[in-house]
Amino acid sequence: MDIKLLEKYNTPVPRYTSYPPANYFDDKFSADDYLEGVKQSNDWEPKPVSIYFHIPFCRKMCLYCGCNSCPLPDMQTVKDYFDALNTELKMVSGLIDRKRKVSQVHFGGGTPNSVPSVYLVRLMDLLHRNFSFNTSPEIAIECNPAWLDIPYVRQLIKSGFNRFSFGIQDFSEKVLNGVNRDPSLMPVKELVSFLRSENPSVKINLDFIYGLPGQTAAGFSETIKKAVDIKPDRLVTFSYAHVPWVNKAQKTLEERGMPANDEKASMYRKASALLIDNGYKAIGLDHFVLEKDELYQALQSGALHRNFQGYCTRATTGQVYAFGVSAISQLQRVYSQNTKSPLEYINSVARGSLPVRKGYILNDAEIIIREVITELMCNKRLSWVDMANRFGTGVNAIKETVGYNERILKQFQKDGIIDLTDDSVSITGEGSLFVRNVAASFDPLMDAATKKFSRSF
């Protein structure tokens, strides 16, 4: 990796988990706007229903985290929160066409497994009473293995959970101590083996972060070697996103000293090489999957997709209806985000009001821009003719909408980040790290950006 190239493109750009990004959402957007969007969504594509629950509680607050999370409160507040989740779900589910099938359920946080498993099981029971599921839905949960034991995991398996994402971050206890995170309660390899013995079809994700204080390329390589030995179905190597304006606790990491760019680049390069040498395929920005994985198959056919919960297939994901604090519903033409305060959320739902804080209604041009950016972020290639056919218009109209700038693209090409033809843009292997930069070149909002974003690396 060319360090000069890394320094040139290591600039603040959106992560593009949505378009427009969430910091462009408007607080004039109301609960009525969302409810109208839910009704209309029955006529929009894709038809499958995806459900997201945000569980914000954590037993211990990690210093690096940029998610909406808070310390685990007393059990009465936890009960009140889940009662509110149940009520919010009932308020929205009645507007969704019962003929539509649930294809995906995702519990994120925070730390969903910070609460007694009975709360998660009851939510799943409520879902089954209010929706029909397709024949093979993905029921996923993000877990901190520091708070997982056999009885807890067995209860989740029994309730239908079939994908577990374990936030390992690093196998070095010294690194974990430096960011205020506890190691796994039981050896991760034993935990994964138990899950697979309980349900041979269960899928396992292991998540790691590089760029934390105390990490080195050599040490992170050892972590990845241990992960490879466990053989998860998917492995994610997130670049640490330094956003102290979101989480002030991250300022502590500045004091502890984060790795220099060249050391961080070496972590990425060595980890990628280890994973690819051991049969994993690179997906998107940071995912590595086994060749039989549906994400790799989707990439091969150009059908890889992305939402706030991560990479997915267009078949698995649908329009996302989200519940809980800060949760973002991601519909074809509408985004809606809930309040970030657990107490405000509980009180709002208790009054019979949806806890919508802000949102966004996309126009036709923004839907085109979103599709172009998604195609690059997910499938790393873009045909202008295919995109024009998708929207029933001409190539020039698509290019004009996204602010096509040949001068910028020629520079990306010169730097080896893209391959460029009259009809296509393709991200090169070495350019994968800079796909956010390429995507930003097709984002008219970046021409006069006033929002803050994390750096691309």
Protein backbone atom coordinates (compact mmCIF):
# COMPACT_ATOMS: atom_id res chain seq x y z
CA MET A 1 0.00 0.00 0.00
CA ASP A 2 1.34 3.39 -1.05
CA ILE A 3 1.42 5.49 2.14
CA LYS A 4 1.44 8.73 0.12
CA LEU A 5 -1.74 7.56 -1.61
CA LEU A 6 -3.27 6.67 1.74
CA GLU A 7 -2.48 10.11 3.14
CA LYS A 8 -3.89 11.76 0.01
CA TYR A 9 -7.27 10.01 0.24
CA ASN A 10 -7.59 9.61 4.00
CA THR A 11 -10.16 12.40 4.11
CA PRO A 12 -13.54 12.77 5.87
CA VAL A 13 -16.23 11.13 3.73
CA PRO A 14 -19.56 9.42 4.52
CA ARG A 15 -19.75 5.69 5.17
CA TYR A 16 -22.84 5.58 2.92
CA THR A 17 -24.85 3.11 4.98
CA SER A 18 -27.65 5.28 3.63
CA TYR A 19 -28.06 8.01 1.08
CA PRO A 20 -28.38 10.75 2.04
CA PRO A 21 -26.31 10.00 5.17
CA ALA A 22 -28.11 10.12 8.51
CA ASN A 23 -26.65 13.49 9.49
CA TYR A 24 -28.72 15.03 6.68
CA PHE A 25 -31.99 13.86 8.22
CA ASP A 26 -34.48 16.68 8.95
CA ASP A 27 -36.04 17.25 12.38
CA LYS A 28 -39.13 18.68 10.65
CA PHE A 29 -39.94 15.12 9.60
CA SER A 30 -42.82 13.89 11.77
CA ALA A 31 -44.39 10.67 13.02
CA ASP A 32 -47.22 11.27 10.55
CA ASP A 33 -44.66 11.41 7.72
CA TYR A 34 -43.31 8.05 8.85
CA LEU A 35 -46.73 6.44 9.16
CA GLU A 36 -47.62 7.59 5.66
CA GLY A 37 -44.31 6.15 4.44
CA VAL A 38 -45.09 2.81 6.10
CA LYS A 39 -48.48 2.64 4.37
CA GLN A 40 -46.97 3.49 0.97
CA SER A 41 -44.11 1.04 1.49
CA ASN A 42 -46.49 -1.85 0.84
CA ASP A 43 -46.46 -0.81 -2.82
CA TRP A 44 -42.69 -0.23 -2.99
CA GLU A 45 -39.87 -2.61 -3.77
CA PRO A 46 -38.30 -4.67 -2.34
CA LYS A 47 -41.27 -6.52 -0.86
CA PRO A 48 -39.56 -8.55 1.90
CA VAL A 49 -39.76 -7.14 5.42
CA SER A 50 -36.64 -6.59 7.52
CA ILE A 51 -37.00 -5.86 11.23
CA TYR A 52 -34.39 -4.13 13.38
CA PHE A 53 -34.43 -3.78 17.17
CA HIS A 54 -31.98 -1.43 18.89
CA ILE A 55 -30.99 -2.46 22.42
CA PRO A 56 -28.84 0.44 23.68
CA PHE A 57 -27.71 -1.00 27.01
CA CYS A 58 -24.14 -2.04 27.83
CA ARG A 59 -22.75 -3.48 31.04
CA LYS A 60 -19.48 -1.69 30.34
CA MET A 61 -18.88 1.28 28.06
CA CYS A 62 -16.11 0.76 25.48
CA LEU A 63 -14.10 3.89 24.75
CA TYR A 64 -13.99 3.40 20.96
CA CYS A 65 -17.73 2.99 20.41
CA GLY A 66 -19.58 5.42 18.13
CA CYS A 67 -22.97 3.72 18.50
CA ASN A 68 -25.92 5.01 20.50
CA SER A 69 -25.46 3.15 23.78
CA CYS A 70 -25.76 3.74 27.52
CA PRO A 71 -24.95 1.95 30.78
CA LEU A 72 -27.31 -0.87 31.70
CA PRO A 73 -30.02 0.68 33.94
CA ASP A 74 -32.07 -0.91 36.69
CA MET A 75 -34.27 -3.86 35.70
CA GLN A 76 -37.48 -1.81 35.98
CA THR A 77 -36.19 0.54 33.27
CA VAL A 78 -35.17 -2.44 31.15
CA LYS A 79 -38.69 -3.85 31.52
CA ASP A 80 -40.21 -0.48 30.62
CA TYR A 81 -37.97 -0.25 27.56
CA PHE A 82 -39.00 -3.67 26.24
CA ASP A 83 -42.65 -2.91 26.98
CA ALA A 84 -42.19 0.19 24.81
CA LEU A 85 -40.58 -1.91 22.07
CA ASN A 86 -43.59 -4.25 22.13
CA THR A 87 -45.98 -1.31 21.90
CA GLU A 88 -44.08 0.45 19.11
CA LEU A 89 -44.00 -2.79 17.13
CA LYS A 90 -47.78 -3.16 17.46
CA MET A 91 -48.32 0.48 16.43
CA VAL A 92 -46.43 -0.01 13.16
CA SER A 93 -47.05 -3.65 12.26
CA GLY A 94 -50.75 -3.11 11.70
CA LEU A 95 -49.93 -0.89 8.72
CA ILE A 96 -47.74 -3.47 6.99
CA ASP A 97 -49.42 -5.79 4.50
CA ARG A 98 -49.68 -9.22 6.14
CA LYS A 99 -49.02 -10.88 2.77
CA ARG A 100 -45.44 -9.62 2.93
CA LYS A 101 -42.94 -12.00 4.52
CA VAL A 102 -40.21 -11.28 7.06
CA SER A 103 -36.86 -12.24 5.59
CA GLN A 104 -34.52 -10.74 8.19
CA VAL A 105 -34.54 -9.81 11.88
CA HIS A 106 -31.56 -8.08 13.45
CA PHE A 107 -30.87 -7.17 17.09
CA GLY A 108 -28.18 -4.51 17.45
CA GLY A 109 -26.96 -2.06 20.02
CA GLY A 110 -25.45 -1.31 22.40
CA THR A 111 -25.23 -4.88 23.58
CA PRO A 112 -28.42 -6.91 23.03
CA ASN A 113 -27.17 -9.70 25.26
CA SER A 114 -26.67 -7.31 28.19
CA VAL A 115 -30.27 -7.99 29.21
CA PRO A 116 -31.89 -11.26 30.34
CA SER A 117 -32.62 -13.49 27.36
CA VAL A 118 -36.32 -13.65 28.21
CA TYR A 119 -36.79 -10.13 26.83
CA LEU A 120 -35.34 -11.08 23.46
CA VAL A 121 -37.35 -14.29 23.33
CA ARG A 122 -40.61 -12.43 24.05
CA LEU A 123 -39.89 -9.99 21.22
CA MET A 124 -39.37 -12.88 18.82
CA ASP A 125 -42.66 -14.43 19.99
CA LEU A 126 -44.44 -11.13 19.34
CA LEU A 127 -42.93 -10.95 15.86
CA HIS A 128 -44.22 -14.40 15.02
CA ARG A 129 -47.69 -13.42 16.19
CA ASN A 130 -47.74 -10.30 14.01
CA PHE A 131 -45.91 -11.38 10.85
CA SER A 132 -45.44 -14.30 8.49
CA PHE A 133 -41.87 -15.40 7.88
CA ASN A 134 -40.35 -16.77 4.70
CA THR A 135 -38.97 -20.30 4.64
CA SER A 136 -35.43 -19.38 5.71
CA PRO A 137 -35.34 -16.03 7.51
CA GLU A 138 -32.09 -14.70 8.94
CA ILE A 139 -32.46 -14.03 12.68
CA ALA A 140 -29.29 -12.22 13.73
CA ILE A 141 -27.95 -10.77 16.95
CA GLU A 142 -24.85 -8.77 17.86
CA CYS A 143 -23.25 -10.10 21.03
CA ASN A 144 -20.49 -9.18 23.41
CA PRO A 145 -18.99 -12.60 24.30
CA ALA A 146 -17.91 -11.21 27.68
CA TRP A 147 -21.53 -11.64 28.81
CA LEU A 148 -22.43 -14.96 27.15
CA ASP A 149 -22.75 -18.34 28.83
CA ILE A 150 -24.14 -21.68 27.63
CA PRO A 151 -27.68 -21.33 29.09
CA TYR A 152 -28.08 -17.89 27.49
CA VAL A 153 -26.90 -19.06 24.07
CA ARG A 154 -29.06 -22.18 24.24
CA GLN A 155 -32.13 -20.03 24.91
CA LEU A 156 -31.40 -17.86 21.84
CA ILE A 157 -30.91 -20.90 19.62
CA LYS A 158 -34.19 -22.34 20.86
CA SER A 159 -35.92 -19.05 19.99
CA GLY A 160 -34.73 -19.23 16.38
CA PHE A 161 -31.61 -17.07 16.30
CA ASN A 162 -29.41 -18.42 13.51
CA ARG A 163 -26.69 -15.79 13.01
CA PHE A 164 -24.44 -14.58 15.81
CA SER A 165 -22.02 -11.65 15.44
CA PHE A 166 -19.41 -11.63 18.19
CA GLY A 167 -17.63 -8.34 18.81
CA ILE A 168 -14.16 -9.67 19.58
CA GLN A 169 -12.26 -6.51 18.47
CA ASP A 170 -8.87 -8.05 19.41
CA PHE A 171 -7.71 -11.22 21.16
CA SER A 172 -5.07 -9.25 23.08
CA GLU A 173 -6.29 -8.56 26.61
CA LYS A 174 -3.80 -5.67 26.81
CA VAL A 175 -5.46 -3.98 23.84
CA LEU A 176 -8.94 -4.66 25.27
CA ASN A 177 -7.99 -3.24 28.66
CA GLY A 178 -6.80 -0.09 26.92
CA VAL A 179 -10.25 0.51 25.42
CA ASN A 180 -12.24 -0.58 28.52
CA ARG A 181 -13.53 -3.85 27.06
CA ASP A 182 -13.60 -7.26 28.72
CA PRO A 183 -12.47 -10.45 26.94
CA SER A 184 -14.80 -13.33 26.15
CA LEU A 185 -16.25 -15.13 29.18
CA MET A 186 -15.41 -18.50 27.63
CA PRO A 187 -12.86 -19.29 24.89
CA VAL A 188 -14.33 -18.08 21.60
CA LYS A 189 -13.44 -21.32 19.85
CA GLU A 190 -15.41 -23.30 22.45
CA LEU A 191 -18.34 -20.89 22.20
CA VAL A 192 -18.48 -21.27 18.41
CA SER A 193 -18.15 -25.05 18.65
CA PHE A 194 -21.04 -25.20 21.10
CA LEU A 195 -23.25 -23.10 18.82
CA ARG A 196 -22.50 -25.34 15.85
CA SER A 197 -23.21 -28.46 17.90
CA GLU A 198 -26.58 -27.04 18.94
CA ASN A 199 -27.49 -26.00 15.40
CA PRO A 200 -25.23 -27.14 12.53
CA SER A 201 -26.73 -24.50 10.22
CA VAL A 202 -26.00 -21.56 12.52
CA LYS A 203 -23.83 -18.81 11.00
CA ILE A 204 -21.02 -17.10 12.88
CA ASN A 205 -19.55 -13.63 12.38
CA LEU A 206 -16.43 -12.47 14.21
CA ASP A 207 -15.86 -8.71 14.29
CA PHE A 208 -12.51 -6.97 14.83
CA ILE A 209 -11.29 -3.37 14.91
CA TYR A 210 -7.87 -2.18 13.79
CA GLY A 211 -6.37 1.21 14.64
CA LEU A 212 -6.85 1.06 18.43
CA PRO A 213 -4.21 2.14 20.99
CA GLY A 214 -1.69 -0.61 21.68
CA GLN A 215 -2.29 -2.44 18.41
CA THR A 216 0.55 -3.31 16.06
CA ALA A 217 0.61 -5.03 12.68
CA ALA A 218 2.31 -8.06 14.24
CA GLY A 219 -0.15 -8.28 17.12
CA PHE A 220 -3.22 -7.85 14.95
CA SER A 221 -1.91 -10.57 12.63
CA GLU A 222 -1.82 -12.95 15.59
CA THR A 223 -5.43 -12.06 16.36
CA ILE A 224 -6.46 -12.80 12.77
CA LYS A 225 -4.58 -16.13 12.83
CA LYS A 226 -6.61 -17.16 15.90
CA ALA A 227 -9.78 -16.09 14.12
CA VAL A 228 -8.91 -18.14 11.04
CA ASP A 229 -8.41 -21.18 13.27
CA ILE A 230 -11.99 -20.76 14.53
CA LYS A 231 -13.21 -20.59 10.90
CA PRO A 232 -16.15 -18.20 11.20
CA ASP A 233 -18.49 -17.92 8.23
CA ARG A 234 -17.78 -14.20 8.06
CA LEU A 235 -15.04 -12.06 9.50
CA VAL A 236 -15.09 -8.28 9.62
CA THR A 237 -12.09 -5.99 10.08
CA PHE A 238 -13.48 -2.55 10.86
CA SER A 239 -11.21 0.45 10.60
CA TYR A 240 -11.56 2.35 13.87
CA ALA A 241 -13.67 5.45 13.18
CA HIS A 242 -12.49 8.38 15.29
CA VAL A 243 -15.56 10.57 15.86
CA PRO A 244 -15.05 12.32 19.23
CA TRP A 245 -17.86 14.75 18.38
CA VAL A 246 -20.19 11.72 18.58
CA ASN A 247 -18.54 9.98 21.55
CA LYS A 248 -16.45 12.27 23.77
CA ALA A 249 -14.90 9.20 25.43
CA GLN A 250 -12.86 8.69 22.27
CA LYS A 251 -10.73 11.66 23.29
CA THR A 252 -9.17 9.33 25.88
CA LEU A 253 -7.86 7.18 23.04
CA GLU A 254 -6.08 10.21 21.60
CA GLU A 255 -4.22 10.55 24.91
CA ARG A 256 -3.29 6.86 24.87
CA GLY A 257 -1.85 7.14 21.38
CA MET A 258 -3.38 5.55 18.30
CA PRO A 259 -1.22 3.77 15.71
CA ALA A 260 0.34 5.85 12.96
CA ASN A 261 -1.17 5.60 9.49
CA ASP A 262 1.59 3.38 8.14
CA GLU A 263 1.19 0.93 11.05
CA LYS A 264 -2.59 0.92 10.62
CA ALA A 265 -2.17 0.34 6.89
CA SER A 266 0.12 -2.59 7.64
CA MET A 267 -2.54 -4.08 9.94
CA TYR A 268 -5.08 -3.94 7.13
CA ARG A 269 -2.71 -5.30 4.50
CA LYS A 270 -1.43 -8.22 6.59
CA ALA A 271 -4.87 -9.16 7.88
CA SER A 272 -6.31 -9.12 4.37
CA ALA A 273 -3.48 -11.29 3.04
CA LEU A 274 -3.91 -13.81 5.86
CA LEU A 275 -7.63 -14.10 5.27
CA ILE A 276 -7.37 -14.42 1.51
CA ASP A 277 -4.58 -16.99 1.84
CA ASN A 278 -6.92 -19.02 4.06
CA GLY A 279 -9.80 -19.12 1.61
CA TYR A 280 -11.76 -16.01 2.50
CA LYS A 281 -13.12 -13.65 -0.15
CA ALA A 282 -13.11 -9.86 0.27
CA ILE A 283 -16.55 -8.25 0.35
CA GLY A 284 -17.10 -4.51 0.29
CA LEU A 285 -15.06 -2.31 2.59
CA ASP A 286 -14.28 -4.66 5.42
CA HIS A 287 -15.99 -8.07 5.16
CA PHE A 288 -14.35 -11.40 4.41
CA VAL A 289 -16.49 -14.46 3.76
CA LEU A 290 -16.03 -18.07 2.73
CA GLU A 291 -16.57 -18.86 -0.93
CA LYS A 292 -19.86 -20.69 -0.26
CA ASP A 293 -21.29 -17.66 1.55
CA GLU A 294 -24.36 -16.02 -0.01
CA LEU A 295 -22.65 -12.63 0.12
CA TYR A 296 -19.88 -13.85 -2.17
CA GLN A 297 -22.41 -15.41 -4.51
CA ALA A 298 -24.31 -12.12 -4.55
CA LEU A 299 -21.12 -10.21 -5.33
CA GLN A 300 -20.42 -12.52 -8.25
CA SER A 301 -23.86 -11.86 -9.71
CA GLY A 302 -23.88 -8.14 -8.93
CA ALA A 303 -26.68 -8.52 -6.37
CA LEU A 304 -24.84 -7.49 -3.19
CA HIS A 305 -26.72 -4.91 -1.15
CA ARG A 306 -26.21 -2.86 2.02
CA ASN A 307 -28.28 -1.32 4.79
CA PHE A 308 -27.61 0.10 8.26
CA GLN A 309 -27.07 -3.44 9.59
CA GLY A 310 -24.33 -4.24 7.06
CA TYR A 311 -23.85 -6.10 3.79
CA CYS A 312 -26.64 -8.39 2.68
CA THR A 313 -28.24 -9.84 -0.43
CA ARG A 314 -31.16 -8.18 -2.16
CA ALA A 315 -33.10 -11.39 -1.54
CA THR A 316 -32.47 -11.40 2.22
CA THR A 317 -32.92 -7.75 2.99
CA GLY A 318 -36.05 -5.79 2.36
CA GLN A 319 -37.33 -2.50 3.54
CA VAL A 320 -36.16 -2.07 7.13
CA TYR A 321 -38.69 -1.24 9.86
CA ALA A 322 -36.69 -0.29 12.95
CA PHE A 323 -37.70 -0.11 16.61
CA GLY A 324 -36.07 1.32 19.71
CA VAL A 325 -33.98 4.38 20.52
CA SER A 326 -32.07 5.91 17.58
CA ALA A 327 -33.30 3.07 15.33
CA ILE A 328 -33.52 4.04 11.65
CA SER A 329 -36.27 2.68 9.43
CA GLN A 330 -34.91 2.46 5.90
CA LEU A 331 -37.76 2.38 3.40
CA GLN A 332 -37.57 2.80 -0.36
CA ARG A 333 -38.46 6.51 -0.26
CA VAL A 334 -38.44 7.35 3.45
CA TYR A 335 -35.96 7.24 6.33
CA SER A 336 -37.19 7.70 9.89
CA GLN A 337 -35.06 7.85 13.03
CA ASN A 338 -36.27 7.56 16.61
CA THR A 339 -35.24 9.68 19.56
CA LYS A 340 -31.85 8.85 21.11
CA SER A 341 -32.96 9.10 24.74
CA PRO A 342 -34.27 5.85 26.34
CA LEU A 343 -36.42 7.77 28.85
CA GLU A 344 -37.88 10.01 26.14
CA TYR A 345 -38.52 6.92 24.02
CA ILE A 346 -40.34 5.12 26.83
CA ASN A 347 -42.46 8.15 27.71
CA SER A 348 -43.37 8.90 24.09
CA VAL A 349 -44.60 5.37 23.43
CA ALA A 350 -46.46 5.33 26.76
CA ARG A 351 -48.40 8.41 25.53
CA GLY A 352 -49.33 6.54 22.37
CA SER A 353 -46.97 8.58 20.17
CA LEU A 354 -44.34 7.17 17.86
CA PRO A 355 -40.91 8.36 19.09
CA VAL A 356 -39.82 9.78 15.72
CA ARG A 357 -37.08 12.39 16.09
CA LYS A 358 -36.15 13.13 12.47
CA GLY A 359 -36.17 11.63 9.00
CA TYR A 360 -35.96 12.20 5.27
CA ILE A 361 -38.16 11.85 2.19
CA LEU A 362 -36.11 11.09 -0.92
CA ASN A 363 -36.81 12.69 -4.27
CA ASP A 364 -36.32 10.94 -7.62
CA ALA A 365 -32.80 12.32 -8.11
CA GLU A 366 -31.67 11.13 -4.66
CA ILE A 367 -32.96 7.63 -5.36
CA ILE A 368 -30.77 7.53 -8.50
CA ILE A 369 -27.75 8.82 -6.59
CA ARG A 370 -28.35 6.24 -3.85
CA GLU A 371 -28.46 3.43 -6.40
CA VAL A 372 -25.21 4.56 -8.06
CA ILE A 373 -23.41 4.84 -4.72
CA THR A 374 -24.79 1.52 -3.46
CA GLU A 375 -23.67 -0.22 -6.64
CA LEU A 376 -20.11 1.01 -6.15
CA MET A 377 -20.01 0.43 -2.39
CA CYS A 378 -21.37 -3.11 -2.70
CA ASN A 379 -20.49 -4.54 -6.10
CA LYS A 380 -17.50 -2.30 -6.88
CA ARG A 381 -18.54 -1.81 -10.46
CA LEU A 382 -20.99 0.40 -12.27
CA SER A 383 -22.37 0.28 -15.81
CA TRP A 384 -23.95 3.55 -16.88
CA VAL A 385 -26.05 1.77 -19.51
CA ASP A 386 -27.40 -0.72 -16.94
CA MET A 387 -28.15 2.10 -14.52
CA ALA A 388 -29.95 4.09 -17.21
CA ASN A 389 -32.02 1.04 -18.15
CA ARG A 390 -32.88 0.47 -14.50
CA PHE A 391 -34.46 3.92 -14.30
CA GLY A 392 -35.80 4.08 -17.85
CA THR A 393 -33.75 7.09 -18.84
CA GLY A 394 -30.56 7.96 -20.70
CA VAL A 395 -26.92 7.67 -19.66
CA ASN A 396 -26.39 11.44 -19.84
CA ALA A 397 -29.35 12.01 -17.52
CA ILE A 398 -27.89 9.61 -14.92
CA LYS A 399 -24.44 11.23 -15.17
CA GLU A 400 -25.91 14.70 -14.82
CA THR A 401 -27.86 13.65 -11.73
CA VAL A 402 -24.75 12.38 -9.93
CA GLY A 403 -22.52 15.26 -11.04
CA TYR A 404 -20.24 13.13 -13.19
CA ASN A 405 -16.77 14.72 -13.17
CA GLU A 406 -14.36 13.12 -15.61
CA ARG A 407 -11.39 15.08 -14.27
CA ILE A 408 -11.80 13.58 -10.79
CA LEU A 409 -12.34 10.10 -12.20
CA LYS A 410 -9.22 10.38 -14.37
CA GLN A 411 -7.25 11.17 -11.22
CA PHE A 412 -8.66 8.09 -9.47
CA GLN A 413 -7.67 6.09 -12.54
CA LYS A 414 -4.16 7.55 -12.55
CA ASP A 415 -3.77 6.60 -8.89
CA GLY A 416 -4.83 3.00 -9.60
CA ILE A 417 -8.07 3.22 -7.63
CA ILE A 418 -10.50 2.62 -10.50
CA ASP A 419 -10.64 1.24 -14.02
CA LEU A 420 -12.52 3.67 -16.23
CA THR A 421 -14.21 3.22 -19.60
CA ASP A 422 -16.86 5.21 -21.43
CA ASP A 423 -19.57 2.95 -19.98
CA SER A 424 -18.19 1.76 -16.67
CA VAL A 425 -16.40 2.47 -13.42
CA SER A 426 -14.79 -0.44 -11.57
CA ILE A 427 -12.96 -0.35 -8.25
CA THR A 428 -9.56 -2.06 -8.48
CA GLY A 429 -8.31 -4.51 -5.87
CA GLU A 430 -5.93 -1.93 -4.41
CA GLY A 431 -8.60 0.74 -4.70
CA SER A 432 -11.09 -1.09 -2.45
CA LEU A 433 -9.86 0.84 0.56
CA PHE A 434 -10.85 4.09 -1.12
CA VAL A 435 -14.30 3.12 -2.40
CA ARG A 436 -15.89 5.72 -0.08
CA ASN A 437 -13.85 8.42 -1.81
CA VAL A 438 -15.02 7.26 -5.24
CA ALA A 439 -18.63 7.10 -4.06
CA ALA A 440 -18.34 10.65 -2.67
CA SER A 441 -17.38 11.91 -6.13
CA PHE A 442 -20.92 11.01 -7.25
CA ASP A 443 -22.55 12.75 -4.29
CA PRO A 444 -23.70 16.32 -5.07
CA LEU A 445 -24.09 16.96 -1.33
CA MET A 446 -20.31 16.81 -0.96
CA ASP A 447 -19.89 19.88 -3.16
CA ALA A 448 -20.81 22.08 -0.22
CA ALA A 449 -20.60 19.61 2.66
CA THR A 450 -21.13 21.14 6.10
CA LYS A 451 -21.42 17.83 7.99
CA LYS A 452 -18.72 15.96 9.88
CA PHE A 453 -17.62 12.48 8.79
CA SER A 454 -14.99 9.98 9.87
CA ARG A 455 -11.88 9.67 7.72
CA SER A 456 -11.93 7.02 5.01
CA PHE A 457 -9.21 4.95 6.70
